[in-house]
Amino acid sequence: QAPGKQRELVARIISDGTTTYADSVKGRFTISRDNAKNTVY
């Protein structure tokens, strides 16, 4: 969420590893999850 703007989705990852990205970040951002560390990056 940028100042004066609505909160927007950047990236999402579901339990099977499927990812979704906003068009504005595709190719630049990568979402991942480490279940052993209970952490999403």
ModelCIF file with pLDDT and N, C-alpha, C, O atoms, coordinates in Angstrom:
data_MODEL
#
_entry.id   MODEL 
#
_entity.id                         1 
_entity.type                       polymer 
_entity.pdbx_number_of_molecules   1 
#
_entity_poly.entity_id                      1 
_entity_poly.type                           'polypeptide(L)' 
_entity_poly.nstd_linkage                   no 
_entity_poly.nstd_monomer                   no 
_entity_poly.pdbx_seq_one_letter_code       QAPGKQRELVARIISDGTTTYADSVKGRFTISRDNAKNTVY 
_entity_poly.pdbx_seq_one_letter_code_can   QAPGKQRELVARIISDGTTTYADSVKGRFTISRDNAKNTVY 
_entity_poly.pdbx_strand_id                 A 
#
loop_
_entity_poly_seq.entity_id 
_entity_poly_seq.num 
_entity_poly_seq.mon_id 
_entity_poly_seq.hetero 
1 1  GLN n 
1 2  ALA n 
1 3  PRO n 
1 4  GLY n 
1 5  LYS n 
1 6  GLN n 
1 7  ARG n 
1 8  GLU n 
1 9  LEU n 
1 10 VAL n 
1 11 ALA n 
1 12 ARG n 
1 13 ILE n 
1 14 ILE n 
1 15 SER n 
1 16 ASP n 
1 17 GLY n 
1 18 THR n 
1 19 THR n 
1 20 THR n 
1 21 TYR n 
1 22 ALA n 
1 23 ASP n 
1 24 SER n 
1 25 VAL n 
1 26 LYS n 
1 27 GLY n 
1 28 ARG n 
1 29 PHE n 
1 30 THR n 
1 31 ILE n 
1 32 SER n 
1 33 ARG n 
1 34 ASP n 
1 35 ASN n 
1 36 ALA n 
1 37 LYS n 
1 38 ASN n 
1 39 THR n 
1 40 VAL n 
1 41 TYR n 
#
_struct_asym.id          A 
_struct_asym.entity_id   1 
#
loop_
_ma_qa_metric.id 
_ma_qa_metric.mode 
_ma_qa_metric.name 
_ma_qa_metric.software_group_id 
_ma_qa_metric.type 
1 global pLDDT . pLDDT 
2 local  pLDDT . pLDDT 
#
_ma_qa_metric_global.metric_id      1 
_ma_qa_metric_global.metric_value   95.05 
_ma_qa_metric_global.model_id       1 
_ma_qa_metric_global.ordinal_id     1 
#
loop_
_ma_qa_metric_local.label_asym_id 
_ma_qa_metric_local.label_comp_id 
_ma_qa_metric_local.label_seq_id 
_ma_qa_metric_local.metric_id 
_ma_qa_metric_local.metric_value 
_ma_qa_metric_local.model_id 
_ma_qa_metric_local.ordinal_id 
A GLN 1  2 98.00 1 1  
A ALA 2  2 96.00 1 2  
A PRO 3  2 92.00 1 3  
A GLY 4  2 95.00 1 4  
A LYS 5  2 96.00 1 5  
A GLN 6  2 97.00 1 6  
A ARG 7  2 97.00 1 7  
A GLU 8  2 98.00 1 8  
A LEU 9  2 98.00 1 9  
A VAL 10 2 98.00 1 10 
A ALA 11 2 98.00 1 11 
A ARG 12 2 97.00 1 12 
A ILE 13 2 96.00 1 13 
A ILE 14 2 92.00 1 14 
A SER 15 2 88.00 1 15 
A ASP 16 2 89.00 1 16 
A GLY 17 2 91.00 1 17 
A THR 18 2 96.00 1 18 
A THR 19 2 98.00 1 19 
A THR 20 2 98.00 1 20 
A TYR 21 2 98.00 1 21 
A ALA 22 2 98.00 1 22 
A ASP 23 2 98.00 1 23 
A SER 24 2 97.00 1 24 
A VAL 25 2 98.00 1 25 
A LYS 26 2 98.00 1 26 
A GLY 27 2 98.00 1 27 
A ARG 28 2 98.00 1 28 
A PHE 29 2 98.00 1 29 
A THR 30 2 98.00 1 30 
A ILE 31 2 98.00 1 31 
A SER 32 2 96.00 1 32 
A ARG 33 2 93.00 1 33 
A ASP 34 2 91.00 1 34 
A ASN 35 2 86.00 1 35 
A ALA 36 2 87.00 1 36 
A LYS 37 2 88.00 1 37 
A ASN 38 2 87.00 1 38 
A THR 39 2 92.00 1 39 
A VAL 40 2 95.00 1 40 
A TYR 41 2 97.00 1 41 
#
loop_
_atom_site.group_PDB 
_atom_site.id 
_atom_site.type_symbol 
_atom_site.label_atom_id 
_atom_site.label_alt_id 
_atom_site.label_comp_id 
_atom_site.label_asym_id 
_atom_site.label_entity_id 
_atom_site.label_seq_id 
_atom_site.pdbx_PDB_ins_code 
_atom_site.Cartn_x 
_atom_site.Cartn_y 
_atom_site.Cartn_z 
_atom_site.occupancy 
_atom_site.B_iso_or_equiv 
_atom_site.pdbx_formal_charge 
_atom_site.auth_seq_id 
_atom_site.auth_comp_id 
_atom_site.auth_asym_id 
_atom_site.auth_atom_id 
_atom_site.pdbx_PDB_model_num 
ATOM 1   N N  . GLN A 1 1  ? 0.847  -1.190  0.000   1.00 98.00 ? 1  GLN A N  1 
ATOM 2   C CA . GLN A 1 1  ? 0.000  0.000   0.000   1.00 98.00 ? 1  GLN A CA 1 
ATOM 3   C C  . GLN A 1 1  ? 0.876  1.231   0.000   1.00 98.00 ? 1  GLN A C  1 
ATOM 4   O O  . GLN A 1 1  ? 1.636  1.485   0.935   1.00 98.00 ? 1  GLN A O  1 
ATOM 5   N N  . ALA A 1 2  ? 0.750  1.989   -1.074  1.00 96.00 ? 2  ALA A N  1 
ATOM 6   C CA . ALA A 1 2  ? 1.475  3.246   -1.198  1.00 96.00 ? 2  ALA A CA 1 
ATOM 7   C C  . ALA A 1 2  ? 0.596  4.370   -0.653  1.00 96.00 ? 2  ALA A C  1 
ATOM 8   O O  . ALA A 1 2  ? -0.625 4.226   -0.594  1.00 96.00 ? 2  ALA A O  1 
ATOM 9   N N  . PRO A 1 3  ? 1.203  5.480   -0.257  1.00 92.00 ? 3  PRO A N  1 
ATOM 10  C CA . PRO A 1 3  ? 0.413  6.594   0.286   1.00 92.00 ? 3  PRO A CA 1 
ATOM 11  C C  . PRO A 1 3  ? -0.673 7.050   -0.686  1.00 92.00 ? 3  PRO A C  1 
ATOM 12  O O  . PRO A 1 3  ? -0.409 7.298   -1.862  1.00 92.00 ? 3  PRO A O  1 
ATOM 13  N N  . GLY A 1 4  ? -1.887 7.156   -0.178  1.00 95.00 ? 4  GLY A N  1 
ATOM 14  C CA . GLY A 1 4  ? -2.995 7.615   -0.995  1.00 95.00 ? 4  GLY A CA 1 
ATOM 15  C C  . GLY A 1 4  ? -3.576 6.585   -1.945  1.00 95.00 ? 4  GLY A C  1 
ATOM 16  O O  . GLY A 1 4  ? -4.467 6.893   -2.736  1.00 95.00 ? 4  GLY A O  1 
ATOM 17  N N  . LYS A 1 5  ? -3.068 5.357   -1.865  1.00 96.00 ? 5  LYS A N  1 
ATOM 18  C CA . LYS A 1 5  ? -3.547 4.311   -2.769  1.00 96.00 ? 5  LYS A CA 1 
ATOM 19  C C  . LYS A 1 5  ? -4.122 3.139   -1.985  1.00 96.00 ? 5  LYS A C  1 
ATOM 20  O O  . LYS A 1 5  ? -3.872 2.984   -0.790  1.00 96.00 ? 5  LYS A O  1 
ATOM 21  N N  . GLN A 1 6  ? -4.894 2.325   -2.682  1.00 97.00 ? 6  GLN A N  1 
ATOM 22  C CA . GLN A 1 6  ? -5.457 1.138   -2.046  1.00 97.00 ? 6  GLN A CA 1 
ATOM 23  C C  . GLN A 1 6  ? -4.405 0.038   -1.941  1.00 97.00 ? 6  GLN A C  1 
ATOM 24  O O  . GLN A 1 6  ? -3.441 -0.003  -2.705  1.00 97.00 ? 6  GLN A O  1 
ATOM 25  N N  . ARG A 1 7  ? -4.616 -0.842  -0.981  1.00 97.00 ? 7  ARG A N  1 
ATOM 26  C CA . ARG A 1 7  ? -3.732 -1.991  -0.849  1.00 97.00 ? 7  ARG A CA 1 
ATOM 27  C C  . ARG A 1 7  ? -3.932 -2.896  -2.053  1.00 97.00 ? 7  ARG A C  1 
ATOM 28  O O  . ARG A 1 7  ? -5.064 -3.149  -2.466  1.00 97.00 ? 7  ARG A O  1 
ATOM 29  N N  . GLU A 1 8  ? -2.827 -3.387  -2.618  1.00 98.00 ? 8  GLU A N  1 
ATOM 30  C CA . GLU A 1 8  ? -2.907 -4.207  -3.813  1.00 98.00 ? 8  GLU A CA 1 
ATOM 31  C C  . GLU A 1 8  ? -2.081 -5.480  -3.653  1.00 98.00 ? 8  GLU A C  1 
ATOM 32  O O  . GLU A 1 8  ? -1.085 -5.517  -2.930  1.00 98.00 ? 8  GLU A O  1 
ATOM 33  N N  . LEU A 1 9  ? -2.527 -6.513  -4.347  1.00 98.00 ? 9  LEU A N  1 
ATOM 34  C CA . LEU A 1 9  ? -1.796 -7.774  -4.343  1.00 98.00 ? 9  LEU A CA 1 
ATOM 35  C C  . LEU A 1 9  ? -0.489 -7.622  -5.109  1.00 98.00 ? 9  LEU A C  1 
ATOM 36  O O  . LEU A 1 9  ? -0.460 -7.061  -6.204  1.00 98.00 ? 9  LEU A O  1 
ATOM 37  N N  . VAL A 1 10 ? 0.586  -8.125  -4.522  1.00 98.00 ? 10 VAL A N  1 
ATOM 38  C CA . VAL A 1 10 ? 1.874  -8.163  -5.205  1.00 98.00 ? 10 VAL A CA 1 
ATOM 39  C C  . VAL A 1 10 ? 2.146  -9.578  -5.709  1.00 98.00 ? 10 VAL A C  1 
ATOM 40  O O  . VAL A 1 10 ? 2.462  -9.780  -6.881  1.00 98.00 ? 10 VAL A O  1 
ATOM 41  N N  . ALA A 1 11 ? 2.021  -10.551 -4.810  1.00 98.00 ? 11 ALA A N  1 
ATOM 42  C CA . ALA A 1 11 ? 2.290  -11.944 -5.170  1.00 98.00 ? 11 ALA A CA 1 
ATOM 43  C C  . ALA A 1 11 ? 1.592  -12.857 -4.183  1.00 98.00 ? 11 ALA A C  1 
ATOM 44  O O  . ALA A 1 11 ? 1.372  -12.501 -3.025  1.00 98.00 ? 11 ALA A O  1 
ATOM 45  N N  . ARG A 1 12 ? 1.247  -14.044 -4.667  1.00 97.00 ? 12 ARG A N  1 
ATOM 46  C CA . ARG A 1 12 ? 0.563  -15.029 -3.830  1.00 97.00 ? 12 ARG A CA 1 
ATOM 47  C C  . ARG A 1 12 ? 1.132  -16.403 -4.139  1.00 97.00 ? 12 ARG A C  1 
ATOM 48  O O  . ARG A 1 12 ? 1.501  -16.694 -5.277  1.00 97.00 ? 12 ARG A O  1 
ATOM 49  N N  . ILE A 1 13 ? 1.200  -17.247 -3.112  1.00 96.00 ? 13 ILE A N  1 
ATOM 50  C CA . ILE A 1 13 ? 1.643  -18.629 -3.312  1.00 96.00 ? 13 ILE A CA 1 
ATOM 51  C C  . ILE A 1 13 ? 0.686  -19.544 -2.554  1.00 96.00 ? 13 ILE A C  1 
ATOM 52  O O  . ILE A 1 13 ? 0.364  -19.303 -1.390  1.00 96.00 ? 13 ILE A O  1 
ATOM 53  N N  . ILE A 1 14 ? 0.242  -20.591 -3.233  1.00 92.00 ? 14 ILE A N  1 
ATOM 54  C CA . ILE A 1 14 ? -0.668 -21.518 -2.575  1.00 92.00 ? 14 ILE A CA 1 
ATOM 55  C C  . ILE A 1 14 ? 0.083  -22.785 -2.182  1.00 92.00 ? 14 ILE A C  1 
ATOM 56  O O  . ILE A 1 14 ? 1.256  -22.955 -2.515  1.00 92.00 ? 14 ILE A O  1 
ATOM 57  N N  . SER A 1 15 ? -0.601 -23.661 -1.480  1.00 88.00 ? 15 SER A N  1 
ATOM 58  C CA . SER A 1 15 ? 0.082  -24.781 -0.837  1.00 88.00 ? 15 SER A CA 1 
ATOM 59  C C  . SER A 1 15 ? 0.765  -25.734 -1.813  1.00 88.00 ? 15 SER A C  1 
ATOM 60  O O  . SER A 1 15 ? 1.713  -26.424 -1.439  1.00 88.00 ? 15 SER A O  1 
ATOM 61  N N  . ASP A 1 16 ? 0.292  -25.779 -3.065  1.00 89.00 ? 16 ASP A N  1 
ATOM 62  C CA . ASP A 1 16 ? 0.944  -26.678 -4.031  1.00 89.00 ? 16 ASP A CA 1 
ATOM 63  C C  . ASP A 1 16 ? 2.116  -25.995 -4.739  1.00 89.00 ? 16 ASP A C  1 
ATOM 64  O O  . ASP A 1 16 ? 2.743  -26.578 -5.623  1.00 89.00 ? 16 ASP A O  1 
ATOM 65  N N  . GLY A 1 17 ? 2.403  -24.751 -4.338  1.00 91.00 ? 17 GLY A N  1 
ATOM 66  C CA . GLY A 1 17 ? 3.528  -24.036 -4.919  1.00 91.00 ? 17 GLY A CA 1 
ATOM 67  C C  . GLY A 1 17 ? 3.173  -23.119 -6.074  1.00 91.00 ? 17 GLY A C  1 
ATOM 68  O O  . GLY A 1 17 ? 4.035  -22.397 -6.575  1.00 91.00 ? 17 GLY A O  1 
ATOM 69  N N  . THR A 1 18 ? 1.940  -23.135 -6.498  1.00 96.00 ? 18 THR A N  1 
ATOM 70  C CA . THR A 1 18 ? 1.510  -22.253 -7.585  1.00 96.00 ? 18 THR A CA 1 
ATOM 71  C C  . THR A 1 18 ? 1.610  -20.798 -7.147  1.00 96.00 ? 18 THR A C  1 
ATOM 72  O O  . THR A 1 18 ? 1.202  -20.438 -6.043  1.00 96.00 ? 18 THR A O  1 
ATOM 73  N N  . THR A 1 19 ? 2.160  -19.965 -8.031  1.00 98.00 ? 19 THR A N  1 
ATOM 74  C CA . THR A 1 19 ? 2.352  -18.548 -7.717  1.00 98.00 ? 19 THR A CA 1 
ATOM 75  C C  . THR A 1 19 ? 1.572  -17.653 -8.676  1.00 98.00 ? 19 THR A C  1 
ATOM 76  O O  . THR A 1 19 ? 1.298  -18.010 -9.822  1.00 98.00 ? 19 THR A O  1 
ATOM 77  N N  . THR A 1 20 ? 1.230  -16.482 -8.161  1.00 98.00 ? 20 THR A N  1 
ATOM 78  C CA . THR A 1 20 ? 0.547  -15.453 -8.942  1.00 98.00 ? 20 THR A CA 1 
ATOM 79  C C  . THR A 1 20 ? 1.227  -14.130 -8.660  1.00 98.00 ? 20 THR A C  1 
ATOM 80  O O  . THR A 1 20 ? 1.595  -13.847 -7.520  1.00 98.00 ? 20 THR A O  1 
ATOM 81  N N  . TYR A 1 21 ? 1.398  -13.309 -9.703  1.00 98.00 ? 21 TYR A N  1 
ATOM 82  C CA . TYR A 1 21 ? 2.061  -12.020 -9.548  1.00 98.00 ? 21 TYR A CA 1 
ATOM 83  C C  . TYR A 1 21 ? 1.237  -10.908 -10.192 1.00 98.00 ? 21 TYR A C  1 
ATOM 84  O O  . TYR A 1 21 ? 0.529  -11.118 -11.177 1.00 98.00 ? 21 TYR A O  1 
ATOM 85  N N  . ALA A 1 22 ? 1.353  -9.734  -9.609  1.00 98.00 ? 22 ALA A N  1 
ATOM 86  C CA . ALA A 1 22 ? 0.815  -8.553  -10.265 1.00 98.00 ? 22 ALA A CA 1 
ATOM 87  C C  . ALA A 1 22 ? 1.626  -8.294  -11.528 1.00 98.00 ? 22 ALA A C  1 
ATOM 88  O O  . ALA A 1 22 ? 2.828  -8.557  -11.565 1.00 98.00 ? 22 ALA A O  1 
ATOM 89  N N  . ASP A 1 23 ? 0.977  -7.788  -12.544 1.00 98.00 ? 23 ASP A N  1 
ATOM 90  C CA . ASP A 1 23 ? 1.671  -7.520  -13.804 1.00 98.00 ? 23 ASP A CA 1 
ATOM 91  C C  . ASP A 1 23 ? 2.865  -6.588  -13.599 1.00 98.00 ? 23 ASP A C  1 
ATOM 92  O O  . ASP A 1 23 ? 3.884  -6.724  -14.275 1.00 98.00 ? 23 ASP A O  1 
ATOM 93  N N  . SER A 1 24 ? 2.740  -5.655  -12.681 1.00 97.00 ? 24 SER A N  1 
ATOM 94  C CA . SER A 1 24 ? 3.782  -4.642  -12.477 1.00 97.00 ? 24 SER A CA 1 
ATOM 95  C C  . SER A 1 24 ? 5.071  -5.222  -11.895 1.00 97.00 ? 24 SER A C  1 
ATOM 96  O O  . SER A 1 24 ? 6.114  -4.570  -11.951 1.00 97.00 ? 24 SER A O  1 
ATOM 97  N N  . VAL A 1 25 ? 5.019  -6.434  -11.338 1.00 98.00 ? 25 VAL A N  1 
ATOM 98  C CA . VAL A 1 25 ? 6.221  -7.001  -10.713 1.00 98.00 ? 25 VAL A CA 1 
ATOM 99  C C  . VAL A 1 25 ? 6.695  -8.285  -11.390 1.00 98.00 ? 25 VAL A C  1 
ATOM 100 O O  . VAL A 1 25 ? 7.729  -8.838  -11.016 1.00 98.00 ? 25 VAL A O  1 
ATOM 101 N N  . LYS A 1 26 ? 5.951  -8.759  -12.375 1.00 98.00 ? 26 LYS A N  1 
ATOM 102 C CA . LYS A 1 26 ? 6.340  -10.005 -13.051 1.00 98.00 ? 26 LYS A CA 1 
ATOM 103 C C  . LYS A 1 26 ? 7.738  -9.882  -13.639 1.00 98.00 ? 26 LYS A C  1 
ATOM 104 O O  . LYS A 1 26 ? 8.079  -8.886  -14.277 1.00 98.00 ? 26 LYS A O  1 
ATOM 105 N N  . GLY A 1 27 ? 8.540  -10.917 -13.409 1.00 98.00 ? 27 GLY A N  1 
ATOM 106 C CA . GLY A 1 27 ? 9.899  -10.914 -13.919 1.00 98.00 ? 27 GLY A CA 1 
ATOM 107 C C  . GLY A 1 27 ? 10.894 -10.229 -13.008 1.00 98.00 ? 27 GLY A C  1 
ATOM 108 O O  . GLY A 1 27 ? 12.102 -10.338 -13.215 1.00 98.00 ? 27 GLY A O  1 
ATOM 109 N N  . ARG A 1 28 ? 10.400 -9.518  -11.998 1.00 98.00 ? 28 ARG A N  1 
ATOM 110 C CA . ARG A 1 28 ? 11.306 -8.812  -11.071 1.00 98.00 ? 28 ARG A CA 1 
ATOM 111 C C  . ARG A 1 28 ? 11.210 -9.367  -9.647  1.00 98.00 ? 28 ARG A C  1 
ATOM 112 O O  . ARG A 1 28 ? 12.210 -9.407  -8.930  1.00 98.00 ? 28 ARG A O  1 
ATOM 113 N N  . PHE A 1 29 ? 10.021 -9.793  -9.240  1.00 98.00 ? 29 PHE A N  1 
ATOM 114 C CA . PHE A 1 29 ? 9.798  -10.290 -7.885  1.00 98.00 ? 29 PHE A CA 1 
ATOM 115 C C  . PHE A 1 29 ? 9.564  -11.790 -7.919  1.00 98.00 ? 29 PHE A C  1 
ATOM 116 O O  . PHE A 1 29 ? 9.028  -12.328 -8.888  1.00 98.00 ? 29 PHE A O  1 
ATOM 117 N N  . THR A 1 30 ? 9.973  -12.458 -6.845  1.00 98.00 ? 30 THR A N  1 
ATOM 118 C CA . THR A 1 30 ? 9.747  -13.894 -6.713  1.00 98.00 ? 30 THR A CA 1 
ATOM 119 C C  . THR A 1 30 ? 9.268  -14.200 -5.297  1.00 98.00 ? 30 THR A C  1 
ATOM 120 O O  . THR A 1 30 ? 9.911  -13.819 -4.319  1.00 98.00 ? 30 THR A O  1 
ATOM 121 N N  . ILE A 1 31 ? 8.144  -14.884 -5.199  1.00 98.00 ? 31 ILE A N  1 
ATOM 122 C CA . ILE A 1 31 ? 7.632  -15.313 -3.903  1.00 98.00 ? 31 ILE A CA 1 
ATOM 123 C C  . ILE A 1 31 ? 7.978  -16.784 -3.699  1.00 98.00 ? 31 ILE A C  1 
ATOM 124 O O  . ILE A 1 31 ? 7.923  -17.581 -4.635  1.00 98.00 ? 31 ILE A O  1 
ATOM 125 N N  . SER A 1 32 ? 8.330  -17.127 -2.484  1.00 96.00 ? 32 SER A N  1 
ATOM 126 C CA . SER A 1 32 ? 8.645  -18.519 -2.157  1.00 96.00 ? 32 SER A CA 1 
ATOM 127 C C  . SER A 1 32 ? 8.266  -18.793 -0.712  1.00 96.00 ? 32 SER A C  1 
ATOM 128 O O  . SER A 1 32 ? 8.086  -17.866 0.079   1.00 96.00 ? 32 SER A O  1 
ATOM 129 N N  . ARG A 1 33 ? 8.145  -20.070 -0.371  1.00 93.00 ? 33 ARG A N  1 
ATOM 130 C CA . ARG A 1 33 ? 7.810  -20.430 0.998   1.00 93.00 ? 33 ARG A CA 1 
ATOM 131 C C  . ARG A 1 33 ? 8.708  -21.570 1.450   1.00 93.00 ? 33 ARG A C  1 
ATOM 132 O O  . ARG A 1 33 ? 8.990  -22.501 0.695   1.00 93.00 ? 33 ARG A O  1 
ATOM 133 N N  . ASP A 1 34 ? 9.146  -21.476 2.687   1.00 91.00 ? 34 ASP A N  1 
ATOM 134 C CA . ASP A 1 34 ? 9.961  -22.516 3.304   1.00 91.00 ? 34 ASP A CA 1 
ATOM 135 C C  . ASP A 1 34 ? 9.137  -23.087 4.454   1.00 91.00 ? 34 ASP A C  1 
ATOM 136 O O  . ASP A 1 34 ? 9.077  -22.502 5.535   1.00 91.00 ? 34 ASP A O  1 
ATOM 137 N N  . ASN A 1 35 ? 8.507  -24.222 4.215   1.00 86.00 ? 35 ASN A N  1 
ATOM 138 C CA . ASN A 1 35 ? 7.626  -24.792 5.228   1.00 86.00 ? 35 ASN A CA 1 
ATOM 139 C C  . ASN A 1 35 ? 8.402  -25.196 6.490   1.00 86.00 ? 35 ASN A C  1 
ATOM 140 O O  . ASN A 1 35 ? 7.865  -25.134 7.596   1.00 86.00 ? 35 ASN A O  1 
ATOM 141 N N  . ALA A 1 36 ? 9.638  -25.601 6.325   1.00 87.00 ? 36 ALA A N  1 
ATOM 142 C CA . ALA A 1 36 ? 10.430 -26.021 7.484   1.00 87.00 ? 36 ALA A CA 1 
ATOM 143 C C  . ALA A 1 36 ? 10.712 -24.849 8.420   1.00 87.00 ? 36 ALA A C  1 
ATOM 144 O O  . ALA A 1 36 ? 10.842 -25.028 9.631   1.00 87.00 ? 36 ALA A O  1 
ATOM 145 N N  . LYS A 1 37 ? 10.806 -23.646 7.847   1.00 88.00 ? 37 LYS A N  1 
ATOM 146 C CA . LYS A 1 37 ? 11.081 -22.452 8.648   1.00 88.00 ? 37 LYS A CA 1 
ATOM 147 C C  . LYS A 1 37 ? 9.832  -21.624 8.899   1.00 88.00 ? 37 LYS A C  1 
ATOM 148 O O  . LYS A 1 37 ? 9.903  -20.566 9.523   1.00 88.00 ? 37 LYS A O  1 
ATOM 149 N N  . ASN A 1 38 ? 8.681  -22.102 8.413   1.00 87.00 ? 38 ASN A N  1 
ATOM 150 C CA . ASN A 1 38 ? 7.418  -21.368 8.580   1.00 87.00 ? 38 ASN A CA 1 
ATOM 151 C C  . ASN A 1 38 ? 7.554  -19.920 8.092   1.00 87.00 ? 38 ASN A C  1 
ATOM 152 O O  . ASN A 1 38 ? 7.090  -18.985 8.745   1.00 87.00 ? 38 ASN A O  1 
ATOM 153 N N  . THR A 1 39 ? 8.189  -19.761 6.953   1.00 92.00 ? 39 THR A N  1 
ATOM 154 C CA . THR A 1 39 ? 8.502  -18.419 6.452   1.00 92.00 ? 39 THR A CA 1 
ATOM 155 C C  . THR A 1 39 ? 8.185  -18.324 4.966   1.00 92.00 ? 39 THR A C  1 
ATOM 156 O O  . THR A 1 39 ? 8.418  -19.256 4.195   1.00 92.00 ? 39 THR A O  1 
ATOM 157 N N  . VAL A 1 40 ? 7.650  -17.178 4.592   1.00 95.00 ? 40 VAL A N  1 
ATOM 158 C CA . VAL A 1 40 ? 7.430  -16.840 3.188   1.00 95.00 ? 40 VAL A CA 1 
ATOM 159 C C  . VAL A 1 40 ? 8.330  -15.666 2.835   1.00 95.00 ? 40 VAL A C  1 
ATOM 160 O O  . VAL A 1 40 ? 8.499  -14.739 3.628   1.00 95.00 ? 40 VAL A O  1 
ATOM 161 N N  . TYR A 1 41 ? 8.900  -15.712 1.653   1.00 97.00 ? 41 TYR A N  1 
ATOM 162 C CA . TYR A 1 41 ? 9.849  -14.682 1.225   1.00 97.00 ? 41 TYR A CA 1 
ATOM 163 C C  . TYR A 1 41 ? 9.326  -13.959 -0.014  1.00 97.00 ? 41 TYR A C  1 
ATOM 164 O O  . TYR A 1 41 ? 9.987  -13.055 -0.526  1.00 97.00 ? 41 TYR A O  1 
#
